[in-house]
């Protein structure tokens, strides 16, 4: 993985964190994935170690949980 991946669920906390992440690392260095809209990527996020969103998975595979918006169980419904 050459970019970080920022997973979120579209809630206000997540959107705010998305803007901050983009400002910090640059739009070209992060892929933003709204798993509330693209539910096919939920398993990918879980496999990467995401337990709650918003979360940033770094290029070396660390899952950094940012603030607490929603657990993955909540996202899955």
PDB file of N, CA and C in Angstrom:
ATOM      1  N   UNK A   1       0.848  -1.166   0.000  1.00  0.00           N
ATOM      2  CA  UNK A   1       0.000   0.000   0.000  1.00  0.00           C
ATOM      3  C   UNK A   1       0.898   1.234   0.000  1.00  0.00           C
ATOM      4  N   UNK A   2       0.701   2.129  -0.938  1.00  0.00           N
ATOM      5  CA  UNK A   2       1.550   3.317  -1.010  1.00  0.00           C
ATOM      6  C   UNK A   2       0.884   4.539  -0.400  1.00  0.00           C
ATOM      7  N   UNK A   3      -0.442   4.526  -0.263  1.00  0.00           N
ATOM      8  CA  UNK A   3      -1.182   5.631   0.336  1.00  0.00           C
ATOM      9  C   UNK A   3      -1.785   5.167   1.647  1.00  0.00           C
ATOM     10  N   UNK A   4      -2.086   6.138   2.492  1.00  0.00           N
ATOM     11  CA  UNK A   4      -2.914   5.844   3.650  1.00  0.00           C
ATOM     12  C   UNK A   4      -4.342   5.706   3.163  1.00  0.00           C
ATOM     13  N   UNK A   5      -5.158   4.966   3.913  1.00  0.00           N
ATOM     14  CA  UNK A   5      -6.579   4.857   3.603  1.00  0.00           C
ATOM     15  C   UNK A   5      -7.350   5.343   4.815  1.00  0.00           C
ATOM     16  N   UNK A   6      -8.227   6.311   4.588  1.00  0.00           N
ATOM     17  CA  UNK A   6      -9.055   6.862   5.641  1.00  0.00           C
ATOM     18  C   UNK A   6     -10.462   6.313   5.482  1.00  0.00           C
ATOM     19  N   UNK A   7     -10.874   5.490   6.459  1.00  0.00           N
ATOM     20  CA  UNK A   7     -12.205   4.889   6.439  1.00  0.00           C
ATOM     21  C   UNK A   7     -13.128   5.702   7.342  1.00  0.00           C
ATOM     22  N   UNK A   8     -14.322   5.972   6.854  1.00  0.00           N
ATOM     23  CA  UNK A   8     -15.314   6.636   7.691  1.00  0.00           C
ATOM     24  C   UNK A   8     -16.704   6.220   7.256  1.00  0.00           C
ATOM     25  N   UNK A   9     -17.714   6.676   8.024  1.00  0.00           N
ATOM     26  CA  UNK A   9     -19.091   6.264   7.761  1.00  0.00           C
ATOM     27  C   UNK A   9     -19.994   7.423   7.352  1.00  0.00           C
ATOM     28  N   UNK A  10     -19.426   8.601   7.160  1.00  0.00           N
ATOM     29  CA  UNK A  10     -20.209   9.734   6.675  1.00  0.00           C
ATOM     30  C   UNK A  10     -20.850  10.603   7.735  1.00  0.00           C
ATOM     31  N   UNK A  11     -20.654  10.283   9.009  1.00  0.00           N
ATOM     32  CA  UNK A  11     -21.244  11.098  10.081  1.00  0.00           C
ATOM     33  C   UNK A  11     -20.481  12.417  10.214  1.00  0.00           C
ATOM     34  N   UNK A  12     -21.029  13.401  10.919  1.00  0.00           N
ATOM     35  CA  UNK A  12     -20.341  14.688  11.069  1.00  0.00           C
ATOM     36  C   UNK A  12     -18.939  14.572  11.672  1.00  0.00           C
ATOM     37  N   UNK A  13     -18.758  13.694  12.662  1.00  0.00           N
ATOM     38  CA  UNK A  13     -17.429  13.491  13.249  1.00  0.00           C
ATOM     39  C   UNK A  13     -16.461  12.997  12.180  1.00  0.00           C
ATOM     40  N   UNK A  14     -16.925  12.054  11.356  1.00  0.00           N
ATOM     41  CA  UNK A  14     -16.083  11.475  10.310  1.00  0.00           C
ATOM     42  C   UNK A  14     -15.726  12.508   9.231  1.00  0.00           C
ATOM     43  N   UNK A  15     -16.693  13.292   8.820  1.00  0.00           N
ATOM     44  CA  UNK A  15     -16.455  14.296   7.782  1.00  0.00           C
ATOM     45  C   UNK A  15     -15.456  15.330   8.273  1.00  0.00           C
ATOM     46  N   UNK A  16     -15.594  15.759   9.515  1.00  0.00           N
ATOM     47  CA  UNK A  16     -14.644  16.709  10.090  1.00  0.00           C
ATOM     48  C   UNK A  16     -13.237  16.118  10.121  1.00  0.00           C
ATOM     49  N   UNK A  17     -13.127  14.856  10.557  1.00  0.00           N
ATOM     50  CA  UNK A  17     -11.819  14.188  10.598  1.00  0.00           C
ATOM     51  C   UNK A  17     -11.255  14.020   9.191  1.00  0.00           C
ATOM     52  N   UNK A  18     -12.119  13.727   8.203  1.00  0.00           N
ATOM     53  CA  UNK A  18     -11.664  13.603   6.809  1.00  0.00           C
ATOM     54  C   UNK A  18     -10.991  14.888   6.346  1.00  0.00           C
ATOM     55  N   UNK A  19     -11.611  16.025   6.607  1.00  0.00           N
ATOM     56  CA  UNK A  19     -11.031  17.309   6.197  1.00  0.00           C
ATOM     57  C   UNK A  19      -9.688  17.543   6.880  1.00  0.00           C
ATOM     58  N   UNK A  20      -9.607  17.216   8.173  1.00  0.00           N
ATOM     59  CA  UNK A  20      -8.347  17.389   8.900  1.00  0.00           C
ATOM     60  C   UNK A  20      -7.255  16.478   8.351  1.00  0.00           C
ATOM     61  N   UNK A  21      -7.580  15.229   8.079  1.00  0.00           N
ATOM     62  CA  UNK A  21      -6.588  14.284   7.540  1.00  0.00           C
ATOM     63  C   UNK A  21      -6.074  14.770   6.192  1.00  0.00           C
ATOM     64  N   UNK A  22      -6.986  15.174   5.319  1.00  0.00           N
ATOM     65  CA  UNK A  22      -6.572  15.672   3.996  1.00  0.00           C
ATOM     66  C   UNK A  22      -5.666  16.884   4.141  1.00  0.00           C
ATOM     67  N   UNK A  23      -5.999  17.791   5.063  1.00  0.00           N
ATOM     68  CA  UNK A  23      -5.158  18.967   5.288  1.00  0.00           C
ATOM     69  C   UNK A  23      -3.794  18.589   5.843  1.00  0.00           C
ATOM     70  N   UNK A  24      -3.735  17.548   6.657  1.00  0.00           N
ATOM     71  CA  UNK A  24      -2.472  17.135   7.268  1.00  0.00           C
ATOM     72  C   UNK A  24      -1.559  16.368   6.317  1.00  0.00           C
ATOM     73  N   UNK A  25      -2.105  15.401   5.591  1.00  0.00           N
ATOM     74  CA  UNK A  25      -1.254  14.527   4.784  1.00  0.00           C
ATOM     75  C   UNK A  25      -1.315  14.828   3.293  1.00  0.00           C
ATOM     76  N   UNK A  26      -2.291  15.615   2.880  1.00  0.00           N
ATOM     77  CA  UNK A  26      -2.417  15.952   1.458  1.00  0.00           C
ATOM     78  C   UNK A  26      -3.340  14.989   0.739  1.00  0.00           C
ATOM     79  N   UNK A  27      -4.158  15.537  -0.133  1.00  0.00           N
ATOM     80  CA  UNK A  27      -5.164  14.754  -0.847  1.00  0.00           C
ATOM     81  C   UNK A  27      -4.564  13.629  -1.683  1.00  0.00           C
ATOM     82  N   UNK A  28      -3.357  13.832  -2.201  1.00  0.00           N
ATOM     83  CA  UNK A  28      -2.718  12.819  -3.041  1.00  0.00           C
ATOM     84  C   UNK A  28      -2.118  11.664  -2.237  1.00  0.00           C
ATOM     85  N   UNK A  29      -2.073  11.815  -0.914  1.00  0.00           N
ATOM     86  CA  UNK A  29      -1.447  10.800  -0.068  1.00  0.00           C
ATOM     87  C   UNK A  29      -2.435   9.943   0.705  1.00  0.00           C
ATOM     88  N   UNK A  30      -3.728  10.169   0.470  1.00  0.00           N
ATOM     89  CA  UNK A  30      -4.740   9.418   1.219  1.00  0.00           C
ATOM     90  C   UNK A  30      -5.922   9.074   0.317  1.00  0.00           C
ATOM     91  N   UNK A  31      -6.380   7.849   0.446  1.00  0.00           N
ATOM     92  CA  UNK A  31      -7.608   7.421  -0.220  1.00  0.00           C
ATOM     93  C   UNK A  31      -8.716   7.486   0.820  1.00  0.00           C
ATOM     94  N   UNK A  32      -9.789   8.169   0.503  1.00  0.00           N
ATOM     95  CA  UNK A  32     -10.917   8.293   1.421  1.00  0.00           C
ATOM     96  C   UNK A  32     -11.983   7.273   1.028  1.00  0.00           C
ATOM     97  N   UNK A  33     -12.396   6.459   2.000  1.00  0.00           N
ATOM     98  CA  UNK A  33     -13.404   5.430   1.763  1.00  0.00           C
ATOM     99  C   UNK A  33     -14.553   5.646   2.745  1.00  0.00           C
ATOM    100  N   UNK A  34     -15.711   5.983   2.218  1.00  0.00           N
ATOM    101  CA  UNK A  34     -16.913   6.123   3.038  1.00  0.00           C
ATOM    102  C   UNK A  34     -17.607   4.765   3.026  1.00  0.00           C
ATOM    103  N   UNK A  35     -17.412   3.989   4.089  1.00  0.00           N
ATOM    104  CA  UNK A  35     -17.998   2.651   4.121  1.00  0.00           C
ATOM    105  C   UNK A  35     -19.493   2.691   4.412  1.00  0.00           C
ATOM    106  N   UNK A  36     -20.004   3.856   4.746  1.00  0.00           N
ATOM    107  CA  UNK A  36     -21.443   4.004   4.847  1.00  0.00           C
ATOM    108  C   UNK A  36     -22.091   3.959   3.473  1.00  0.00           C
ATOM    109  N   UNK A  37     -21.348   4.438   2.475  1.00  0.00           N
ATOM    110  CA  UNK A  37     -21.825   4.421   1.092  1.00  0.00           C
ATOM    111  C   UNK A  37     -21.315   3.217   0.320  1.00  0.00           C
ATOM    112  N   UNK A  38     -20.084   2.809   0.575  1.00  0.00           N
ATOM    113  CA  UNK A  38     -19.470   1.678  -0.136  1.00  0.00           C
ATOM    114  C   UNK A  38     -19.291   0.518   0.837  1.00  0.00           C
ATOM    115  N   UNK A  39     -20.399  -0.145   1.131  1.00  0.00           N
ATOM    116  CA  UNK A  39     -20.403  -1.199   2.131  1.00  0.00           C
ATOM    117  C   UNK A  39     -19.559  -2.408   1.727  1.00  0.00           C
ATOM    118  N   UNK A  40     -19.232  -2.521   0.455  1.00  0.00           N
ATOM    119  CA  UNK A  40     -18.409  -3.638  -0.005  1.00  0.00           C
ATOM    120  C   UNK A  40     -16.993  -3.570   0.558  1.00  0.00           C
ATOM    121  N   UNK A  41     -16.608  -2.423   1.144  1.00  0.00           N
ATOM    122  CA  UNK A  41     -15.252  -2.273   1.673  1.00  0.00           C
ATOM    123  C   UNK A  41     -15.178  -2.453   3.188  1.00  0.00           C
ATOM    124  N   UNK A  42     -16.305  -2.809   3.814  1.00  0.00           N
ATOM    125  CA  UNK A  42     -16.308  -3.018   5.265  1.00  0.00           C
ATOM    126  C   UNK A  42     -15.351  -4.141   5.658  1.00  0.00           C
ATOM    127  N   UNK A  43     -15.404  -5.270   4.972  1.00  0.00           N
ATOM    128  CA  UNK A  43     -14.522  -6.393   5.306  1.00  0.00           C
ATOM    129  C   UNK A  43     -13.062  -6.011   5.135  1.00  0.00           C
ATOM    130  N   UNK A  44     -12.756  -5.259   4.089  1.00  0.00           N
ATOM    131  CA  UNK A  44     -11.387  -4.772   3.860  1.00  0.00           C
ATOM    132  C   UNK A  44     -10.915  -3.947   5.057  1.00  0.00           C
ATOM    133  N   UNK A  45     -11.776  -3.058   5.528  1.00  0.00           N
ATOM    134  CA  UNK A  45     -11.425  -2.215   6.676  1.00  0.00           C
ATOM    135  C   UNK A  45     -11.177  -3.076   7.912  1.00  0.00           C
ATOM    136  N   UNK A  46     -12.062  -4.025   8.158  1.00  0.00           N
ATOM    137  CA  UNK A  46     -11.885  -4.912   9.315  1.00  0.00           C
ATOM    138  C   UNK A  46     -10.606  -5.723   9.186  1.00  0.00           C
ATOM    139  N   UNK A  47     -10.312  -6.218   8.007  1.00  0.00           N
ATOM    140  CA  UNK A  47      -9.084  -6.985   7.786  1.00  0.00           C
ATOM    141  C   UNK A  47      -7.841  -6.138   8.033  1.00  0.00           C
ATOM    142  N   UNK A  48      -7.963  -4.823   7.830  1.00  0.00           N
ATOM    143  CA  UNK A  48      -6.843  -3.907   8.058  1.00  0.00           C
ATOM    144  C   UNK A  48      -6.724  -3.506   9.527  1.00  0.00           C
ATOM    145  N   UNK A  49      -7.630  -4.001  10.375  1.00  0.00           N
ATOM    146  CA  UNK A  49      -7.552  -3.713  11.800  1.00  0.00           C
ATOM    147  C   UNK A  49      -8.447  -2.582  12.269  1.00  0.00           C
ATOM    148  N   UNK A  50      -9.347  -2.112  11.415  1.00  0.00           N
ATOM    149  CA  UNK A  50     -10.250  -1.028  11.795  1.00  0.00           C
ATOM    150  C   UNK A  50     -11.351  -1.592  12.694  1.00  0.00           C
ATOM    151  N   UNK A  51     -11.445  -1.047  13.919  1.00  0.00           N
ATOM    152  CA  UNK A  51     -12.464  -1.463  14.890  1.00  0.00           C
ATOM    153  C   UNK A  51     -13.591  -0.448  15.005  1.00  0.00           C
ATOM    154  N   UNK A  52     -13.281   0.799  14.637  1.00  0.00           N
ATOM    155  CA  UNK A  52     -14.269   1.870  14.679  1.00  0.00           C
ATOM    156  C   UNK A  52     -13.848   2.914  13.653  1.00  0.00           C
ATOM    157  N   UNK A  53     -14.807   3.709  13.250  1.00  0.00           N
ATOM    158  CA  UNK A  53     -14.515   4.783  12.310  1.00  0.00           C
ATOM    159  C   UNK A  53     -14.821   6.116  12.982  1.00  0.00           C
ATOM    160  N   UNK A  54     -14.087   7.148  12.629  1.00  0.00           N
ATOM    161  CA  UNK A  54     -13.090   7.236  11.578  1.00  0.00           C
ATOM    162  C   UNK A  54     -11.763   6.593  11.985  1.00  0.00           C
ATOM    163  N   UNK A  55     -11.077   6.059  10.984  1.00  0.00           N
ATOM    164  CA  UNK A  55      -9.771   5.442  11.209  1.00  0.00           C
ATOM    165  C   UNK A  55      -8.893   5.628   9.977  1.00  0.00           C
ATOM    166  N   UNK A  56      -7.613   5.766  10.221  1.00  0.00           N
ATOM    167  CA  UNK A  56      -6.632   5.914   9.156  1.00  0.00           C
ATOM    168  C   UNK A  56      -5.710   4.707   9.185  1.00  0.00           C
ATOM    169  N   UNK A  57      -5.596   4.015   8.060  1.00  0.00           N
ATOM    170  CA  UNK A  57      -4.657   2.902   7.943  1.00  0.00           C
ATOM    171  C   UNK A  57      -3.459   3.430   7.172  1.00  0.00           C
ATOM    172  N   UNK A  58      -2.299   3.366   7.812  1.00  0.00           N
ATOM    173  CA  UNK A  58      -1.081   3.915   7.228  1.00  0.00           C
ATOM    174  C   UNK A  58      -0.504   2.974   6.174  1.00  0.00           C
ATOM    175  N   UNK A  59       0.404   3.468   5.342  1.00  0.00           N
ATOM    176  CA  UNK A  59       1.008   2.616   4.312  1.00  0.00           C
ATOM    177  C   UNK A  59       1.705   1.365   4.862  1.00  0.00           C
ATOM    178  N   UNK A  60       2.188   1.426   6.104  1.00  0.00           N
ATOM    179  CA  UNK A  60       2.834   0.231   6.662  1.00  0.00           C
ATOM    180  C   UNK A  60       1.865  -0.639   7.449  1.00  0.00           C
ATOM    181  N   UNK A  61       0.547  -0.338   7.373  1.00  0.00           N
ATOM    182  CA  UNK A  61      -0.464  -1.222   7.920  1.00  0.00           C
ATOM    183  C   UNK A  61      -0.968  -0.920   9.320  1.00  0.00           C
ATOM    184  N   UNK A  62      -0.535   0.179   9.915  1.00  0.00           N
ATOM    185  CA  UNK A  62      -1.051   0.532  11.240  1.00  0.00           C
ATOM    186  C   UNK A  62      -2.433   1.150  11.116  1.00  0.00           C
ATOM    187  N   UNK A  63      -3.371   0.689  11.925  1.00  0.00           N
ATOM    188  CA  UNK A  63      -4.714   1.262  11.963  1.00  0.00           C
ATOM    189  C   UNK A  63      -4.765   2.270  13.104  1.00  0.00           C
ATOM    190  N   UNK A  64      -4.950   3.526  12.751  1.00  0.00           N
ATOM    191  CA  UNK A  64      -4.999   4.605  13.732  1.00  0.00           C
ATOM    192  C   UNK A  64      -6.450   5.040  13.890  1.00  0.00           C
ATOM    193  N   UNK A  65      -7.019   4.808  15.046  1.00  0.00           N
ATOM    194  CA  UNK A  65      -8.411   5.159  15.300  1.00  0.00           C
ATOM    195  C   UNK A  65      -8.477   6.606  15.771  1.00  0.00           C
ATOM    196  N   UNK A  66      -9.280   7.390  15.084  1.00  0.00           N
ATOM    197  CA  UNK A  66      -9.351   8.831  15.310  1.00  0.00           C
ATOM    198  C   UNK A  66     -10.716   9.155  15.898  1.00  0.00           C
ATOM    199  N   UNK A  67     -10.714   9.703  17.122  1.00  0.00           N
ATOM    200  CA  UNK A  67     -11.984  10.053  17.734  1.00  0.00           C
ATOM    201  C   UNK A  67     -12.870   8.814  17.712  1.00  0.00           C
ATOM    202  N   UNK A  68     -14.044   8.869  18.209  1.00  0.00           N
ATOM    203  CA  UNK A  68     -14.924   7.701  18.116  1.00  0.00           C
ATOM    204  C   UNK A  68     -16.230   8.144  17.501  1.00  0.00           C
ATOM    205  N   UNK A  69     -16.482   7.685  16.282  1.00  0.00           N
ATOM    206  CA  UNK A  69     -17.721   8.003  15.597  1.00  0.00           C
ATOM    207  C   UNK A  69     -18.692   6.847  15.685  1.00  0.00           C
ATOM    208  N   UNK A  70     -18.253   5.650  15.266  1.00  0.00           N
ATOM    209  CA  UNK A  70     -19.123   4.477  15.268  1.00  0.00           C
ATOM    210  C   UNK A  70     -18.275   3.219  15.258  1.00  0.00           C
ATOM    211  N   UNK A  71     -18.751   2.211  15.977  1.00  0.00           N
ATOM    212  CA  UNK A  71     -18.063   0.916  15.938  1.00  0.00           C
ATOM    213  C   UNK A  71     -18.370   0.262  14.597  1.00  0.00           C
ATOM    214  N   UNK A  72     -17.573  -0.709  14.215  1.00  0.00           N
ATOM    215  CA  UNK A  72     -17.839  -1.440  12.962  1.00  0.00           C
ATOM    216  C   UNK A  72     -19.161  -2.199  13.064  1.00  0.00           C
ATOM    217  N   UNK A  73     -19.513  -2.666  14.257  1.00  0.00           N
ATOM    218  CA  UNK A  73     -20.798  -3.343  14.439  1.00  0.00           C
ATOM    219  C   UNK A  73     -21.954  -2.388  14.134  1.00  0.00           C
ATOM    220  N   UNK A  74     -21.812  -1.127  14.575  1.00  0.00           N
ATOM    221  CA  UNK A  74     -22.841  -0.123  14.269  1.00  0.00           C
ATOM    222  C   UNK A  74     -22.926   0.145  12.774  1.00  0.00           C
ATOM    223  N   UNK A  75     -21.772   0.216  12.121  1.00  0.00           N
ATOM    224  CA  UNK A  75     -21.735   0.493  10.700  1.00  0.00           C
ATOM    225  C   UNK A  75     -22.408  -0.645   9.916  1.00  0.00           C
ATOM    226  N   UNK A  76     -22.136  -1.871  10.334  1.00  0.00           N
ATOM    227  CA  UNK A  76     -22.720  -3.033   9.649  1.00  0.00           C
ATOM    228  C   UNK A  76     -24.220  -3.129   9.857  1.00  0.00           C
ATOM    229  N   UNK A  77     -24.699  -2.539  10.964  1.00  0.00           N
ATOM    230  CA  UNK A  77     -26.139  -2.533  11.247  1.00  0.00           C
ATOM    231  C   UNK A  77     -26.597  -3.823  11.726  1.00  0.00           C
TER     232      UNK A  77
END
